[in-house]
Amino acid sequence: TLPLFSEKGAGIGEKLGDIVPLDLTFINEQAKEVTLRELMDGKPTLLTLNYYRCAGVCSPQLEELAATLSKVQLAENFDYKVITVGFAEDENISLALTKKKNILKTMTRHYVQDAWQFVLGENNSSGKLAQSVGFKYKAMKMENGDLGYIHGASVVMLSPKGKITGYLNGINQLPADITMAIKEASEGKVRHSILRSNSPFCFTERPEAGNIVNNITRIAGVLSVIALLVLFFFFLRRGRKK
């Protein structure tokens, strides 16, 4: 297992080669019970785990995925499926449909609506699915009393038989990476991830965590300035010697 993120019980640990439980049931966009196997329909599948009220990384992740899929030269619904699973237990299908509408309208070409399903968990099925792919999230109360979550961002690639073949981590994905991941998933080939150093964490439910990130960013900026000054004086002295 390769730990990609770590934040007190939240993170992503790769489980390449494992099989996800295809009999888990979810609530689909028609508010009907459906299994993961039925949602995948025997196709390679891009899986994301999000919560629909997320004001942190979820919307940017899904918008960037939509932008990338707009450029992928494969036939959705025929070559692959996309499933976004809402893991927040207090959300409803109306939120899922609103999120889908907002995401798909950002796409730059016609996209088959049924190819990308936005669903909800049932009887903790989303939690079980998240556990099976190594996606850990932590619920916390926000200052306004709402429930929020710490979580990372990743697209999990599943083969038609439910094997975890790869992880596309972070928000930004390249069309070539998505295309290759889909083709490899269709053949059941396990793909080792390229760890992206900028893979983000959602801290929307804990403002002080955001302050920590901001402080780290400021420190990195100061160190960068110091490094540039050191280089400047080094080359200045070197020029004077010459």
Foldseek 3Di string as FASTA:
>chain_A
DDWQDDDPFFGFDADAFFFFPQQFWWQWLVRDIDTNLVLFVLAKEWEWEEALVFPFCPLLQLLQVLALVLPAPDAQPVHGAYEYEYQDPPDDSVSQVVSLVVNNVSHPDDHDSSRYIYIYGDPNSSVSRCVRRRGTKDWDAAPVRDIDIKGWTWIFIAASRRGGQEIDAARHDHSVVVNVSSVCSPVPHHDYDDRDPPGDIRPPRPVVVVVVVVVVVVVVVVVVVVVVVVVVVVVVVVVVVD
